PDB file of N, CA and C in Angstrom:
ATOM      1  N   UNK A   1       0.841  -1.182   0.000  1.00  0.00           N
ATOM      2  CA  UNK A   1       0.000   0.000   0.000  1.00  0.00           C
ATOM      3  C   UNK A   1       0.884   1.243   0.000  1.00  0.00           C
ATOM      4  N   UNK A   2       0.501   2.240  -0.763  1.00  0.00           N
ATOM      5  CA  UNK A   2       1.281   3.479  -0.882  1.00  0.00           C
ATOM      6  C   UNK A   2       1.199   4.304   0.399  1.00  0.00           C
ATOM      7  N   UNK A   3       2.290   5.000   0.681  1.00  0.00           N
ATOM      8  CA  UNK A   3       2.353   5.940   1.794  1.00  0.00           C
ATOM      9  C   UNK A   3       2.485   7.344   1.226  1.00  0.00           C
ATOM     10  N   UNK A   4       1.689   8.278   1.751  1.00  0.00           N
ATOM     11  CA  UNK A   4       1.745   9.667   1.305  1.00  0.00           C
ATOM     12  C   UNK A   4       2.185  10.539   2.469  1.00  0.00           C
ATOM     13  N   UNK A   5       3.248  11.329   2.244  1.00  0.00           N
ATOM     14  CA  UNK A   5       3.707  12.280   3.256  1.00  0.00           C
ATOM     15  C   UNK A   5       3.789  13.669   2.627  1.00  0.00           C
ATOM     16  N   UNK A   6       3.389  14.677   3.380  1.00  0.00           N
ATOM     17  CA  UNK A   6       3.475  16.065   2.913  1.00  0.00           C
ATOM     18  C   UNK A   6       4.868  16.585   3.249  1.00  0.00           C
ATOM     19  N   UNK A   7       5.536  17.153   2.234  1.00  0.00           N
ATOM     20  CA  UNK A   7       6.918  17.622   2.380  1.00  0.00           C
ATOM     21  C   UNK A   7       7.036  19.073   1.931  1.00  0.00           C
ATOM     22  N   UNK A   8       8.003  19.787   2.528  1.00  0.00           N
ATOM     23  CA  UNK A   8       8.350  21.118   2.044  1.00  0.00           C
ATOM     24  C   UNK A   8       8.994  20.994   0.667  1.00  0.00           C
ATOM     25  N   UNK A   9       8.944  22.048  -0.112  1.00  0.00           N
ATOM     26  CA  UNK A   9       9.749  22.111  -1.328  1.00  0.00           C
ATOM     27  C   UNK A   9      11.213  22.045  -0.913  1.00  0.00           C
ATOM     28  N   UNK A  10      12.028  21.323  -1.653  1.00  0.00           N
ATOM     29  CA  UNK A  10      13.407  21.088  -1.208  1.00  0.00           C
ATOM     30  C   UNK A  10      14.238  22.370  -1.115  1.00  0.00           C
ATOM     31  N   UNK A  11      13.909  23.405  -1.874  1.00  0.00           N
ATOM     32  CA  UNK A  11      14.666  24.662  -1.807  1.00  0.00           C
ATOM     33  C   UNK A  11      14.084  25.644  -0.792  1.00  0.00           C
ATOM     34  N   UNK A  12      13.015  25.246  -0.122  1.00  0.00           N
ATOM     35  CA  UNK A  12      12.367  26.113   0.862  1.00  0.00           C
ATOM     36  C   UNK A  12      12.973  25.899   2.246  1.00  0.00           C
ATOM     37  N   UNK A  13      13.001  26.954   3.025  1.00  0.00           N
ATOM     38  CA  UNK A  13      13.399  26.850   4.421  1.00  0.00           C
ATOM     39  C   UNK A  13      12.136  26.776   5.261  1.00  0.00           C
ATOM     40  N   UNK A  14      11.845  25.594   5.763  1.00  0.00           N
ATOM     41  CA  UNK A  14      10.701  25.380   6.653  1.00  0.00           C
ATOM     42  C   UNK A  14       9.370  25.838   6.063  1.00  0.00           C
ATOM     43  N   UNK A  15       9.210  25.673   4.745  1.00  0.00           N
ATOM     44  CA  UNK A  15       7.948  26.006   4.103  1.00  0.00           C
ATOM     45  C   UNK A  15       7.809  27.447   3.654  1.00  0.00           C
ATOM     46  N   UNK A  16       8.841  28.238   3.846  1.00  0.00           N
ATOM     47  CA  UNK A  16       8.791  29.654   3.448  1.00  0.00           C
ATOM     48  C   UNK A  16       8.881  29.790   1.929  1.00  0.00           C
ATOM     49  N   UNK A  17       8.525  30.977   1.445  1.00  0.00           N
ATOM     50  CA  UNK A  17       8.585  31.257   0.016  1.00  0.00           C
ATOM     51  C   UNK A  17      10.011  31.248  -0.512  1.00  0.00           C
ATOM     52  N   UNK A  18      10.120  31.013  -1.810  1.00  0.00           N
ATOM     53  CA  UNK A  18      11.416  30.991  -2.485  1.00  0.00           C
ATOM     54  C   UNK A  18      11.428  32.139  -3.488  1.00  0.00           C
ATOM     55  N   UNK A  19      12.256  33.142  -3.234  1.00  0.00           N
ATOM     56  CA  UNK A  19      12.341  34.299  -4.122  1.00  0.00           C
ATOM     57  C   UNK A  19      12.946  33.865  -5.452  1.00  0.00           C
ATOM     58  N   UNK A  20      12.289  34.222  -6.547  1.00  0.00           N
ATOM     59  CA  UNK A  20      12.759  33.867  -7.885  1.00  0.00           C
ATOM     60  C   UNK A  20      13.678  34.988  -8.371  1.00  0.00           C
ATOM     61  N   UNK A  21      14.984  34.720  -8.291  1.00  0.00           N
ATOM     62  CA  UNK A  21      15.983  35.726  -8.653  1.00  0.00           C
ATOM     63  C   UNK A  21      16.380  35.649 -10.122  1.00  0.00           C
ATOM     64  N   UNK A  22      16.304  34.463 -10.712  1.00  0.00           N
ATOM     65  CA  UNK A  22      16.738  34.278 -12.101  1.00  0.00           C
ATOM     66  C   UNK A  22      15.783  34.961 -13.076  1.00  0.00           C
ATOM     67  N   UNK A  23      16.355  35.498 -14.155  1.00  0.00           N
ATOM     68  CA  UNK A  23      15.544  36.105 -15.213  1.00  0.00           C
ATOM     69  C   UNK A  23      15.714  35.368 -16.542  1.00  0.00           C
ATOM     70  N   UNK A  24      16.441  34.257 -16.516  1.00  0.00           N
ATOM     71  CA  UNK A  24      16.633  33.421 -17.704  1.00  0.00           C
ATOM     72  C   UNK A  24      17.015  32.021 -17.238  1.00  0.00           C
ATOM     73  N   UNK A  25      17.023  31.085 -18.178  1.00  0.00           N
ATOM     74  CA  UNK A  25      17.420  29.724 -17.855  1.00  0.00           C
ATOM     75  C   UNK A  25      18.928  29.674 -17.582  1.00  0.00           C
ATOM     76  N   UNK A  26      19.429  28.859 -16.685  1.00  0.00           N
ATOM     77  CA  UNK A  26      18.660  28.020 -15.775  1.00  0.00           C
ATOM     78  C   UNK A  26      18.041  28.855 -14.661  1.00  0.00           C
ATOM     79  N   UNK A  27      16.856  28.476 -14.271  1.00  0.00           N
ATOM     80  CA  UNK A  27      16.122  29.240 -13.274  1.00  0.00           C
ATOM     81  C   UNK A  27      16.590  29.007 -11.853  1.00  0.00           C
ATOM     82  N   UNK A  28      15.940  29.699 -10.945  1.00  0.00           N
ATOM     83  CA  UNK A  28      16.156  29.533  -9.508  1.00  0.00           C
ATOM     84  C   UNK A  28      15.629  28.165  -9.088  1.00  0.00           C
ATOM     85  N   UNK A  29      16.412  27.419  -8.306  1.00  0.00           N
ATOM     86  CA  UNK A  29      15.990  26.095  -7.837  1.00  0.00           C
ATOM     87  C   UNK A  29      14.776  26.222  -6.926  1.00  0.00           C
ATOM     88  N   UNK A  30      13.730  25.439  -7.214  1.00  0.00           N
ATOM     89  CA  UNK A  30      12.518  25.421  -6.413  1.00  0.00           C
ATOM     90  C   UNK A  30      12.376  24.084  -5.684  1.00  0.00           C
ATOM     91  N   UNK A  31      12.592  22.979  -6.413  1.00  0.00           N
ATOM     92  CA  UNK A  31      12.426  21.654  -5.810  1.00  0.00           C
ATOM     93  C   UNK A  31      13.194  20.619  -6.621  1.00  0.00           C
ATOM     94  N   UNK A  32      13.723  19.627  -5.924  1.00  0.00           N
ATOM     95  CA  UNK A  32      14.305  18.446  -6.566  1.00  0.00           C
ATOM     96  C   UNK A  32      13.439  17.254  -6.188  1.00  0.00           C
ATOM     97  N   UNK A  33      12.859  16.618  -7.184  1.00  0.00           N
ATOM     98  CA  UNK A  33      11.989  15.468  -6.929  1.00  0.00           C
ATOM     99  C   UNK A  33      12.793  14.309  -6.350  1.00  0.00           C
ATOM    100  N   UNK A  34      12.101  13.437  -5.638  1.00  0.00           N
ATOM    101  CA  UNK A  34      12.714  12.244  -5.056  1.00  0.00           C
ATOM    102  C   UNK A  34      13.228  11.334  -6.170  1.00  0.00           C
ATOM    103  N   UNK A  35      14.277  10.578  -5.874  1.00  0.00           N
ATOM    104  CA  UNK A  35      14.877   9.701  -6.878  1.00  0.00           C
ATOM    105  C   UNK A  35      13.937   8.589  -7.328  1.00  0.00           C
ATOM    106  N   UNK A  36      13.181   8.003  -6.384  1.00  0.00           N
ATOM    107  CA  UNK A  36      12.338   6.857  -6.745  1.00  0.00           C
ATOM    108  C   UNK A  36      10.864   7.051  -6.418  1.00  0.00           C
ATOM    109  N   UNK A  37      10.565   7.780  -5.355  1.00  0.00           N
ATOM    110  CA  UNK A  37       9.161   8.035  -5.007  1.00  0.00           C
ATOM    111  C   UNK A  37       8.586   9.059  -5.982  1.00  0.00           C
ATOM    112  N   UNK A  38       7.276   9.173  -5.989  1.00  0.00           N
ATOM    113  CA  UNK A  38       6.606  10.164  -6.831  1.00  0.00           C
ATOM    114  C   UNK A  38       6.298  11.401  -5.993  1.00  0.00           C
ATOM    115  N   UNK A  39       6.653  12.571  -6.496  1.00  0.00           N
ATOM    116  CA  UNK A  39       6.343  13.840  -5.831  1.00  0.00           C
ATOM    117  C   UNK A  39       5.209  14.529  -6.582  1.00  0.00           C
ATOM    118  N   UNK A  40       4.082  14.683  -5.908  1.00  0.00           N
ATOM    119  CA  UNK A  40       2.945  15.420  -6.455  1.00  0.00           C
ATOM    120  C   UNK A  40       3.147  16.877  -6.035  1.00  0.00           C
ATOM    121  N   UNK A  41       3.463  17.738  -7.005  1.00  0.00           N
ATOM    122  CA  UNK A  41       3.933  19.096  -6.726  1.00  0.00           C
ATOM    123  C   UNK A  41       2.800  20.110  -6.865  1.00  0.00           C
ATOM    124  N   UNK A  42       2.666  20.962  -5.838  1.00  0.00           N
ATOM    125  CA  UNK A  42       1.719  22.078  -5.838  1.00  0.00           C
ATOM    126  C   UNK A  42       2.506  23.362  -5.629  1.00  0.00           C
ATOM    127  N   UNK A  43       2.361  24.312  -6.557  1.00  0.00           N
ATOM    128  CA  UNK A  43       3.099  25.571  -6.470  1.00  0.00           C
ATOM    129  C   UNK A  43       2.184  26.760  -6.707  1.00  0.00           C
ATOM    130  N   UNK A  44       2.395  27.780  -5.908  1.00  0.00           N
ATOM    131  CA  UNK A  44       1.746  29.079  -6.085  1.00  0.00           C
ATOM    132  C   UNK A  44       2.844  30.104  -6.313  1.00  0.00           C
ATOM    133  N   UNK A  45       2.537  31.138  -7.074  1.00  0.00           N
ATOM    134  CA  UNK A  45       3.479  32.246  -7.254  1.00  0.00           C
ATOM    135  C   UNK A  45       2.780  33.526  -6.849  1.00  0.00           C
ATOM    136  N   UNK A  46       3.488  34.337  -6.071  1.00  0.00           N
ATOM    137  CA  UNK A  46       2.993  35.659  -5.716  1.00  0.00           C
ATOM    138  C   UNK A  46       3.847  36.708  -6.423  1.00  0.00           C
ATOM    139  N   UNK A  47       3.186  37.728  -6.915  1.00  0.00           N
ATOM    140  CA  UNK A  47       3.854  38.827  -7.609  1.00  0.00           C
ATOM    141  C   UNK A  47       3.752  40.067  -6.728  1.00  0.00           C
ATOM    142  N   UNK A  48       4.882  40.519  -6.204  1.00  0.00           N
ATOM    143  CA  UNK A  48       4.891  41.686  -5.317  1.00  0.00           C
ATOM    144  C   UNK A  48       5.086  42.996  -6.075  1.00  0.00           C
ATOM    145  N   UNK A  49       5.199  42.908  -7.396  1.00  0.00           N
ATOM    146  CA  UNK A  49       5.423  44.104  -8.205  1.00  0.00           C
ATOM    147  C   UNK A  49       4.100  44.833  -8.471  1.00  0.00           C
ATOM    148  N   UNK A  50       4.203  46.018  -9.066  1.00  0.00           N
ATOM    149  CA  UNK A  50       3.015  46.823  -9.385  1.00  0.00           C
ATOM    150  C   UNK A  50       2.532  46.597 -10.812  1.00  0.00           C
ATOM    151  N   UNK A  51       3.215  45.716 -11.554  1.00  0.00           N
ATOM    152  CA  UNK A  51       2.814  45.359 -12.917  1.00  0.00           C
ATOM    153  C   UNK A  51       2.797  43.839 -13.061  1.00  0.00           C
ATOM    154  N   UNK A  52       2.031  43.351 -14.021  1.00  0.00           N
ATOM    155  CA  UNK A  52       1.982  41.917 -14.310  1.00  0.00           C
ATOM    156  C   UNK A  52       3.373  41.431 -14.712  1.00  0.00           C
ATOM    157  N   UNK A  53       3.736  40.223 -14.253  1.00  0.00           N
ATOM    158  CA  UNK A  53       5.042  39.645 -14.578  1.00  0.00           C
ATOM    159  C   UNK A  53       4.881  38.212 -15.072  1.00  0.00           C
ATOM    160  N   UNK A  54       5.675  37.862 -16.091  1.00  0.00           N
ATOM    161  CA  UNK A  54       5.679  36.494 -16.603  1.00  0.00           C
ATOM    162  C   UNK A  54       6.637  35.647 -15.779  1.00  0.00           C
ATOM    163  N   UNK A  55       6.242  34.397 -15.529  1.00  0.00           N
ATOM    164  CA  UNK A  55       7.105  33.436 -14.855  1.00  0.00           C
ATOM    165  C   UNK A  55       7.120  32.157 -15.685  1.00  0.00           C
ATOM    166  N   UNK A  56       8.289  31.526 -15.757  1.00  0.00           N
ATOM    167  CA  UNK A  56       8.446  30.258 -16.459  1.00  0.00           C
ATOM    168  C   UNK A  56       8.999  29.230 -15.490  1.00  0.00           C
ATOM    169  N   UNK A  57       8.320  28.085 -15.409  1.00  0.00           N
ATOM    170  CA  UNK A  57       8.803  26.965 -14.608  1.00  0.00           C
ATOM    171  C   UNK A  57       9.421  25.933 -15.531  1.00  0.00           C
ATOM    172  N   UNK A  58      10.612  25.465 -15.165  1.00  0.00           N
ATOM    173  CA  UNK A  58      11.314  24.417 -15.898  1.00  0.00           C
ATOM    174  C   UNK A  58      11.141  23.124 -15.105  1.00  0.00           C
ATOM    175  N   UNK A  59      10.442  22.175 -15.689  1.00  0.00           N
ATOM    176  CA  UNK A  59      10.112  20.927 -14.999  1.00  0.00           C
ATOM    177  C   UNK A  59      10.974  19.796 -15.549  1.00  0.00           C
ATOM    178  N   UNK A  60      12.153  19.622 -14.971  1.00  0.00           N
ATOM    179  CA  UNK A  60      13.030  18.531 -15.351  1.00  0.00           C
ATOM    180  C   UNK A  60      13.952  18.827 -16.515  1.00  0.00           C
ATOM    181  N   UNK A  61      13.848  19.992 -17.107  1.00  0.00           N
ATOM    182  CA  UNK A  61      14.705  20.348 -18.233  1.00  0.00           C
ATOM    183  C   UNK A  61      14.437  21.772 -18.664  1.00  0.00           C
ATOM    184  N   UNK A  62      15.049  22.157 -19.792  1.00  0.00           N
ATOM    185  CA  UNK A  62      14.912  23.535 -20.255  1.00  0.00           C
ATOM    186  C   UNK A  62      14.325  23.631 -21.663  1.00  0.00           C
ATOM    187  N   UNK A  63      13.890  22.510 -22.225  1.00  0.00           N
ATOM    188  CA  UNK A  63      13.367  22.502 -23.586  1.00  0.00           C
ATOM    189  C   UNK A  63      11.967  23.080 -23.631  1.00  0.00           C
ATOM    190  N   UNK A  64      11.782  24.109 -24.469  1.00  0.00           N
ATOM    191  CA  UNK A  64      10.449  24.682 -24.651  1.00  0.00           C
ATOM    192  C   UNK A  64       9.811  24.017 -25.869  1.00  0.00           C
ATOM    193  N   UNK A  65       8.569  23.630 -25.848  1.00  0.00           N
ATOM    194  CA  UNK A  65       7.639  23.759 -24.736  1.00  0.00           C
ATOM    195  C   UNK A  65       7.578  22.523 -23.849  1.00  0.00           C
ATOM    196  N   UNK A  66       8.363  21.485 -24.155  1.00  0.00           N
ATOM    197  CA  UNK A  66       8.232  20.195 -23.470  1.00  0.00           C
ATOM    198  C   UNK A  66       8.373  20.270 -21.959  1.00  0.00           C
ATOM    199  N   UNK A  67       9.334  21.052 -21.470  1.00  0.00           N
ATOM    200  CA  UNK A  67       9.643  21.092 -20.041  1.00  0.00           C
ATOM    201  C   UNK A  67       9.171  22.366 -19.353  1.00  0.00           C
ATOM    202  N   UNK A  68       8.516  23.257 -20.077  1.00  0.00           N
ATOM    203  CA  UNK A  68       8.208  24.583 -19.531  1.00  0.00           C
ATOM    204  C   UNK A  68       6.721  24.818 -19.317  1.00  0.00           C
ATOM    205  N   UNK A  69       6.416  25.495 -18.220  1.00  0.00           N
ATOM    206  CA  UNK A  69       5.091  26.064 -17.969  1.00  0.00           C
ATOM    207  C   UNK A  69       5.301  27.565 -17.831  1.00  0.00           C
ATOM    208  N   UNK A  70       4.605  28.343 -18.638  1.00  0.00           N
ATOM    209  CA  UNK A  70       4.760  29.797 -18.609  1.00  0.00           C
ATOM    210  C   UNK A  70       3.404  30.444 -18.406  1.00  0.00           C
ATOM    211  N   UNK A  71       3.353  31.435 -17.518  1.00  0.00           N
ATOM    212  CA  UNK A  71       2.103  32.162 -17.295  1.00  0.00           C
ATOM    213  C   UNK A  71       2.408  33.565 -16.808  1.00  0.00           C
ATOM    214  N   UNK A  72       1.410  34.432 -16.911  1.00  0.00           N
ATOM    215  CA  UNK A  72       1.519  35.799 -16.410  1.00  0.00           C
ATOM    216  C   UNK A  72       0.842  35.884 -15.055  1.00  0.00           C
ATOM    217  N   UNK A  73       1.521  36.510 -14.099  1.00  0.00           N
ATOM    218  CA  UNK A  73       0.986  36.672 -12.754  1.00  0.00           C
ATOM    219  C   UNK A  73       0.607  38.145 -12.582  1.00  0.00           C
ATOM    220  N   UNK A  74      -0.670  38.431 -12.322  1.00  0.00           N
ATOM    221  CA  UNK A  74      -1.096  39.824 -12.157  1.00  0.00           C
ATOM    222  C   UNK A  74      -0.397  40.494 -10.967  1.00  0.00           C
ATOM    223  N   UNK A  75      -0.242  41.800 -11.054  1.00  0.00           N
ATOM    224  CA  UNK A  75       0.375  42.579  -9.979  1.00  0.00           C
ATOM    225  C   UNK A  75      -0.365  42.359  -8.670  1.00  0.00           C
ATOM    226  N   UNK A  76       0.393  42.098  -7.612  1.00  0.00           N
ATOM    227  CA  UNK A  76      -0.180  41.958  -6.283  1.00  0.00           C
ATOM    228  C   UNK A  76      -1.001  40.706  -6.060  1.00  0.00           C
ATOM    229  N   UNK A  77      -0.917  39.730  -6.950  1.00  0.00           N
ATOM    230  CA  UNK A  77      -1.738  38.517  -6.854  1.00  0.00           C
ATOM    231  C   UNK A  77      -0.890  37.294  -6.527  1.00  0.00           C
ATOM    232  N   UNK A  78      -1.560  36.270  -5.992  1.00  0.00           N
ATOM    233  CA  UNK A  78      -0.973  34.952  -5.781  1.00  0.00           C
ATOM    234  C   UNK A  78      -1.821  33.957  -6.552  1.00  0.00           C
ATOM    235  N   UNK A  79      -1.181  33.158  -7.408  1.00  0.00           N
ATOM    236  CA  UNK A  79      -1.878  32.275  -8.335  1.00  0.00           C
ATOM    237  C   UNK A  79      -1.341  30.851  -8.206  1.00  0.00           C
ATOM    238  N   UNK A  80      -2.249  29.864  -8.216  1.00  0.00           N
ATOM    239  CA  UNK A  80      -1.843  28.458  -8.301  1.00  0.00           C
ATOM    240  C   UNK A  80      -1.319  28.211  -9.710  1.00  0.00           C
ATOM    241  N   UNK A  81      -0.069  27.766  -9.822  1.00  0.00           N
ATOM    242  CA  UNK A  81       0.538  27.579 -11.138  1.00  0.00           C
ATOM    243  C   UNK A  81       0.874  26.126 -11.451  1.00  0.00           C
ATOM    244  N   UNK A  82       1.084  25.299 -10.448  1.00  0.00           N
ATOM    245  CA  UNK A  82       1.337  23.874 -10.661  1.00  0.00           C
ATOM    246  C   UNK A  82       0.376  23.109  -9.762  1.00  0.00           C
ATOM    247  N   UNK A  83      -0.688  22.531 -10.353  1.00  0.00           N
ATOM    248  CA  UNK A  83      -1.766  21.931  -9.567  1.00  0.00           C
ATOM    249  C   UNK A  83      -1.635  20.423  -9.363  1.00  0.00           C
ATOM    250  N   UNK A  84      -0.495  19.973  -8.847  1.00  0.00           N
ATOM    251  CA  UNK A  84      -0.374  18.557  -8.530  1.00  0.00           C
ATOM    252  C   UNK A  84       0.247  17.713  -9.615  1.00  0.00           C
ATOM    253  N   UNK A  85       1.160  18.275 -10.392  1.00  0.00           N
ATOM    254  CA  UNK A  85       1.868  17.475 -11.391  1.00  0.00           C
ATOM    255  C   UNK A  85       2.803  16.507 -10.679  1.00  0.00           C
ATOM    256  N   UNK A  86       2.934  15.307 -11.218  1.00  0.00           N
ATOM    257  CA  UNK A  86       3.723  14.255 -10.570  1.00  0.00           C
ATOM    258  C   UNK A  86       5.090  14.151 -11.239  1.00  0.00           C
ATOM    259  N   UNK A  87       6.139  14.235 -10.413  1.00  0.00           N
ATOM    260  CA  UNK A  87       7.519  14.141 -10.886  1.00  0.00           C
ATOM    261  C   UNK A  87       8.267  13.100 -10.073  1.00  0.00           C
ATOM    262  N   UNK A  88       9.339  12.556 -10.654  1.00  0.00           N
ATOM    263  CA  UNK A  88      10.184  11.576  -9.983  1.00  0.00           C
ATOM    264  C   UNK A  88      11.554  11.610 -10.657  1.00  0.00           C
ATOM    265  N   UNK A  89      12.431  10.694 -10.244  1.00  0.00           N
ATOM    266  CA  UNK A  89      13.719  10.558 -10.907  1.00  0.00           C
ATOM    267  C   UNK A  89      14.695  11.688 -10.659  1.00  0.00           C
ATOM    268  N   UNK A  90      14.591  12.347  -9.513  1.00  0.00           N
ATOM    269  CA  UNK A  90      15.500  13.437  -9.130  1.00  0.00           C
ATOM    270  C   UNK A  90      15.458  14.635 -10.077  1.00  0.00           C
ATOM    271  N   UNK A  91      14.364  14.806 -10.829  1.00  0.00           N
ATOM    272  CA  UNK A  91      14.292  15.956 -11.733  1.00  0.00           C
ATOM    273  C   UNK A  91      14.165  17.246 -10.931  1.00  0.00           C
ATOM    274  N   UNK A  92      14.697  18.311 -11.480  1.00  0.00           N
ATOM    275  CA  UNK A  92      14.666  19.616 -10.826  1.00  0.00           C
ATOM    276  C   UNK A  92      13.527  20.466 -11.349  1.00  0.00           C
ATOM    277  N   UNK A  93      12.926  21.218 -10.438  1.00  0.00           N
ATOM    278  CA  UNK A  93      11.958  22.248 -10.792  1.00  0.00           C
ATOM    279  C   UNK A  93      12.660  23.575 -10.550  1.00  0.00           C
ATOM    280  N   UNK A  94      12.757  24.374 -11.603  1.00  0.00           N
ATOM    281  CA  UNK A  94      13.392  25.687 -11.508  1.00  0.00           C
ATOM    282  C   UNK A  94      12.441  26.717 -12.084  1.00  0.00           C
ATOM    283  N   UNK A  95      12.678  27.990 -11.767  1.00  0.00           N
ATOM    284  CA  UNK A  95      11.809  29.054 -12.274  1.00  0.00           C
ATOM    285  C   UNK A  95      12.615  30.308 -12.560  1.00  0.00           C
ATOM    286  N   UNK A  96      12.169  31.040 -13.581  1.00  0.00           N
ATOM    287  CA  UNK A  96      12.724  32.371 -13.824  1.00  0.00           C
ATOM    288  C   UNK A  96      11.595  33.319 -14.192  1.00  0.00           C
ATOM    289  N   UNK A  97      11.810  34.590 -13.865  1.00  0.00           N
ATOM    290  CA  UNK A  97      10.774  35.587 -14.088  1.00  0.00           C
ATOM    291  C   UNK A  97      11.226  36.693 -15.014  1.00  0.00           C
ATOM    292  N   UNK A  98      10.274  37.536 -15.390  1.00  0.00           N
ATOM    293  CA  UNK A  98      10.565  38.669 -16.266  1.00  0.00           C
ATOM    294  C   UNK A  98      11.364  39.747 -15.542  1.00  0.00           C
ATOM    295  N   UNK A  99      11.349  39.729 -14.221  1.00  0.00           N
ATOM    296  CA  UNK A  99      12.137  40.657 -13.406  1.00  0.00           C
ATOM    297  C   UNK A  99      12.625  39.898 -12.176  1.00  0.00           C
ATOM    298  N   UNK A 100      13.789  40.251 -11.686  1.00  0.00           N
ATOM    299  CA  UNK A 100      14.377  39.559 -10.538  1.00  0.00           C
ATOM    300  C   UNK A 100      13.747  40.013  -9.227  1.00  0.00           C
ATOM    301  N   UNK A 101      13.547  39.050  -8.334  1.00  0.00           N
ATOM    302  CA  UNK A 101      13.207  39.296  -6.930  1.00  0.00           C
ATOM    303  C   UNK A 101      11.852  39.956  -6.681  1.00  0.00           C
ATOM    304  N   UNK A 102      10.927  39.868  -7.631  1.00  0.00           N
ATOM    305  CA  UNK A 102       9.572  40.376  -7.394  1.00  0.00           C
ATOM    306  C   UNK A 102       8.541  39.247  -7.373  1.00  0.00           C
ATOM    307  N   UNK A 103       8.964  38.038  -7.756  1.00  0.00           N
ATOM    308  CA  UNK A 103       8.106  36.857  -7.725  1.00  0.00           C
ATOM    309  C   UNK A 103       8.638  35.897  -6.670  1.00  0.00           C
ATOM    310  N   UNK A 104       7.729  35.211  -5.986  1.00  0.00           N
ATOM    311  CA  UNK A 104       8.132  34.199  -5.011  1.00  0.00           C
ATOM    312  C   UNK A 104       7.254  32.970  -5.186  1.00  0.00           C
ATOM    313  N   UNK A 105       7.874  31.796  -5.064  1.00  0.00           N
ATOM    314  CA  UNK A 105       7.159  30.524  -5.181  1.00  0.00           C
ATOM    315  C   UNK A 105       6.910  29.955  -3.790  1.00  0.00           C
ATOM    316  N   UNK A 106       5.711  29.451  -3.598  1.00  0.00           N
ATOM    317  CA  UNK A 106       5.305  28.786  -2.361  1.00  0.00           C
ATOM    318  C   UNK A 106       4.710  27.442  -2.742  1.00  0.00           C
ATOM    319  N   UNK A 107       4.772  26.480  -1.836  1.00  0.00           N
ATOM    320  CA  UNK A 107       4.117  25.220  -2.154  1.00  0.00           C
ATOM    321  C   UNK A 107       4.544  24.086  -1.258  1.00  0.00           C
ATOM    322  N   UNK A 108       4.206  22.888  -1.726  1.00  0.00           N
ATOM    323  CA  UNK A 108       4.516  21.659  -1.008  1.00  0.00           C
ATOM    324  C   UNK A 108       4.443  20.510  -1.995  1.00  0.00           C
ATOM    325  N   UNK A 109       4.905  19.348  -1.557  1.00  0.00           N
ATOM    326  CA  UNK A 109       4.733  18.131  -2.348  1.00  0.00           C
ATOM    327  C   UNK A 109       4.084  17.070  -1.482  1.00  0.00           C
ATOM    328  N   UNK A 110       3.263  16.255  -2.107  1.00  0.00           N
ATOM    329  CA  UNK A 110       2.792  15.020  -1.499  1.00  0.00           C
ATOM    330  C   UNK A 110       3.690  13.924  -2.049  1.00  0.00           C
ATOM    331  N   UNK A 111       4.533  13.358  -1.183  1.00  0.00           N
ATOM    332  CA  UNK A 111       5.455  12.304  -1.611  1.00  0.00           C
ATOM    333  C   UNK A 111       4.751  10.961  -1.482  1.00  0.00           C
ATOM    334  N   UNK A 112       4.684  10.238  -2.591  1.00  0.00           N
ATOM    335  CA  UNK A 112       3.976   8.960  -2.658  1.00  0.00           C
ATOM    336  C   UNK A 112       5.010   7.863  -2.839  1.00  0.00           C
ATOM    337  N   UNK A 113       5.098   6.978  -1.845  1.00  0.00           N
ATOM    338  CA  UNK A 113       6.077   5.886  -1.925  1.00  0.00           C
ATOM    339  C   UNK A 113       5.431   4.569  -1.556  1.00  0.00           C
TER     340      UNK A 113
END
């Protein structure tokens, strides 16, 4: 029978937000998936700027569009951007934004083993 545990994002300190400093690939490290277990990833992005900003998530690679999720985050808003995608095999989740240090990623993973 599978076991599910809720985990912090690996780049987070005790569940705190991760400031997205990168403005191009490779992005800021957000999470490294488990080597063998499945990580069900949930991510929100908050935009602290006064204008809409684009954010790109790199899920296991940098090839567009295969590995990328890109969306615009309205000024002053927090948006669910990764709604439970399942990753494994030690793949990295990274992110970069249209401007440095105005976007932050928050979230958790449900680790299924």
